[in-house]
Amino acid sequence: MPVWEEHLADSVGAPAPSAQTTAARRAYFGMISMIDEGIGRVVDALERTGVQGHTWIILHFGG
């Protein structure tokens, strides 16, 4: 179990998360990292082409 999960469980008096919860959190944070990297590539491309000041990046998540 990662240290932050142990600390969270200790600080709120909650039981440690199950292996399934831990796996789901890792998958979630992995997806967020992938999105962050993709946005970074878009921003880098905008800066390289000199259009970052004339471009909006709008993200929409959900159904």
C-alpha atoms as a PDB file:
ATOM      1  CA  MET A   1       0.000   0.000   0.000  1.00  0.00           C
ATOM      2  CA  PRO A   2       1.388   3.442  -0.869  1.00  0.00           C
ATOM      3  CA  VAL A   3       2.419   5.597   2.072  1.00  0.00           C
ATOM      4  CA  TRP A   4      -0.200   8.257   1.302  1.00  0.00           C
ATOM      5  CA  GLU A   5      -2.979   5.664   1.583  1.00  0.00           C
ATOM      6  CA  GLU A   6      -1.637   4.457   4.923  1.00  0.00           C
ATOM      7  CA  HIS A   7      -1.483   8.049   6.176  1.00  0.00           C
ATOM      8  CA  LEU A   8      -5.019   8.776   4.985  1.00  0.00           C
ATOM      9  CA  ALA A   9      -6.387   5.647   6.630  1.00  0.00           C
ATOM     10  CA  ASP A  10      -4.596   6.512   9.888  1.00  0.00           C
ATOM     11  CA  SER A  11      -5.616  10.179   9.853  1.00  0.00           C
ATOM     12  CA  VAL A  12      -9.345   9.567   9.401  1.00  0.00           C
ATOM     13  CA  GLY A  13      -9.561   6.296  11.276  1.00  0.00           C
ATOM     14  CA  ALA A  14     -10.797   4.500   8.186  1.00  0.00           C
ATOM     15  CA  PRO A  15      -9.774   0.990   7.282  1.00  0.00           C
ATOM     16  CA  ALA A  16      -7.077   0.583   4.670  1.00  0.00           C
ATOM     17  CA  PRO A  17      -8.466   0.454   1.134  1.00  0.00           C
ATOM     18  CA  SER A  18      -8.961  -2.883  -0.547  1.00  0.00           C
ATOM     19  CA  ALA A  19      -6.704  -4.098  -3.338  1.00  0.00           C
ATOM     20  CA  GLN A  20      -9.516  -3.324  -5.803  1.00  0.00           C
ATOM     21  CA  THR A  21      -9.784   0.269  -4.540  1.00  0.00           C
ATOM     22  CA  THR A  22      -6.025   0.701  -4.726  1.00  0.00           C
ATOM     23  CA  ALA A  23      -5.986  -0.633  -8.313  1.00  0.00           C
ATOM     24  CA  ALA A  24      -8.848   1.688  -9.302  1.00  0.00           C
ATOM     25  CA  ARG A  25      -7.036   4.695  -7.834  1.00  0.00           C
ATOM     26  CA  ARG A  26      -3.841   3.808  -9.663  1.00  0.00           C
ATOM     27  CA  ALA A  27      -5.760   3.490 -12.930  1.00  0.00           C
ATOM     28  CA  TYR A  28      -7.504   6.833 -12.306  1.00  0.00           C
ATOM     29  CA  PHE A  29      -4.271   8.660 -11.539  1.00  0.00           C
ATOM     30  CA  GLY A  30      -2.643   7.009 -14.562  1.00  0.00           C
ATOM     31  CA  MET A  31      -5.410   8.324 -16.810  1.00  0.00           C
ATOM     32  CA  ILE A  32      -5.086  11.816 -15.322  1.00  0.00           C
ATOM     33  CA  SER A  33      -1.332  11.703 -15.969  1.00  0.00           C
ATOM     34  CA  MET A  34      -1.959  10.663 -19.571  1.00  0.00           C
ATOM     35  CA  ILE A  35      -4.419  13.539 -20.097  1.00  0.00           C
ATOM     36  CA  ASP A  36      -1.969  15.983 -18.492  1.00  0.00           C
ATOM     37  CA  GLU A  37       0.814  14.813 -20.791  1.00  0.00           C
ATOM     38  CA  GLY A  38      -1.427  15.187 -23.840  1.00  0.00           C
ATOM     39  CA  ILE A  39      -2.435  18.715 -22.870  1.00  0.00           C
ATOM     40  CA  GLY A  40       1.226  19.525 -22.355  1.00  0.00           C
ATOM     41  CA  ARG A  41       2.009  18.363 -25.900  1.00  0.00           C
ATOM     42  CA  VAL A  42      -0.781  20.568 -27.269  1.00  0.00           C
ATOM     43  CA  VAL A  43       0.452  23.599 -25.313  1.00  0.00           C
ATOM     44  CA  ASP A  44       4.034  22.968 -26.467  1.00  0.00           C
ATOM     45  CA  ALA A  45       2.881  22.822 -30.095  1.00  0.00           C
ATOM     46  CA  LEU A  46       0.926  26.058 -29.692  1.00  0.00           C
ATOM     47  CA  GLU A  47       3.972  27.771 -28.210  1.00  0.00           C
ATOM     48  CA  ARG A  48       6.274  26.465 -30.975  1.00  0.00           C
ATOM     49  CA  THR A  49       3.949  27.818 -33.655  1.00  0.00           C
ATOM     50  CA  GLY A  50       3.399  31.128 -31.869  1.00  0.00           C
ATOM     51  CA  VAL A  51      -0.370  30.895 -31.580  1.00  0.00           C
ATOM     52  CA  GLN A  52      -0.711  30.209 -27.848  1.00  0.00           C
ATOM     53  CA  GLY A  53      -1.931  33.764 -27.215  1.00  0.00           C
ATOM     54  CA  HIS A  54      -4.737  33.343 -29.745  1.00  0.00           C
ATOM     55  CA  THR A  55      -5.951  29.898 -28.742  1.00  0.00           C
ATOM     56  CA  TRP A  56      -8.337  28.620 -26.106  1.00  0.00           C
ATOM     57  CA  ILE A  57      -8.085  25.093 -24.844  1.00  0.00           C
ATOM     58  CA  ILE A  58     -11.454  23.873 -23.644  1.00  0.00           C
ATOM     59  CA  LEU A  59     -11.779  20.526 -21.909  1.00  0.00           C
ATOM     60  CA  HIS A  60     -15.091  18.804 -21.424  1.00  0.00           C
ATOM     61  CA  PHE A  61     -15.438  15.654 -19.387  1.00  0.00           C
ATOM     62  CA  GLY A  62     -18.614  13.803 -18.751  1.00  0.00           C
ATOM     63  CA  GLY A  63     -21.681  12.592 -20.514  1.00  0.00           C
END
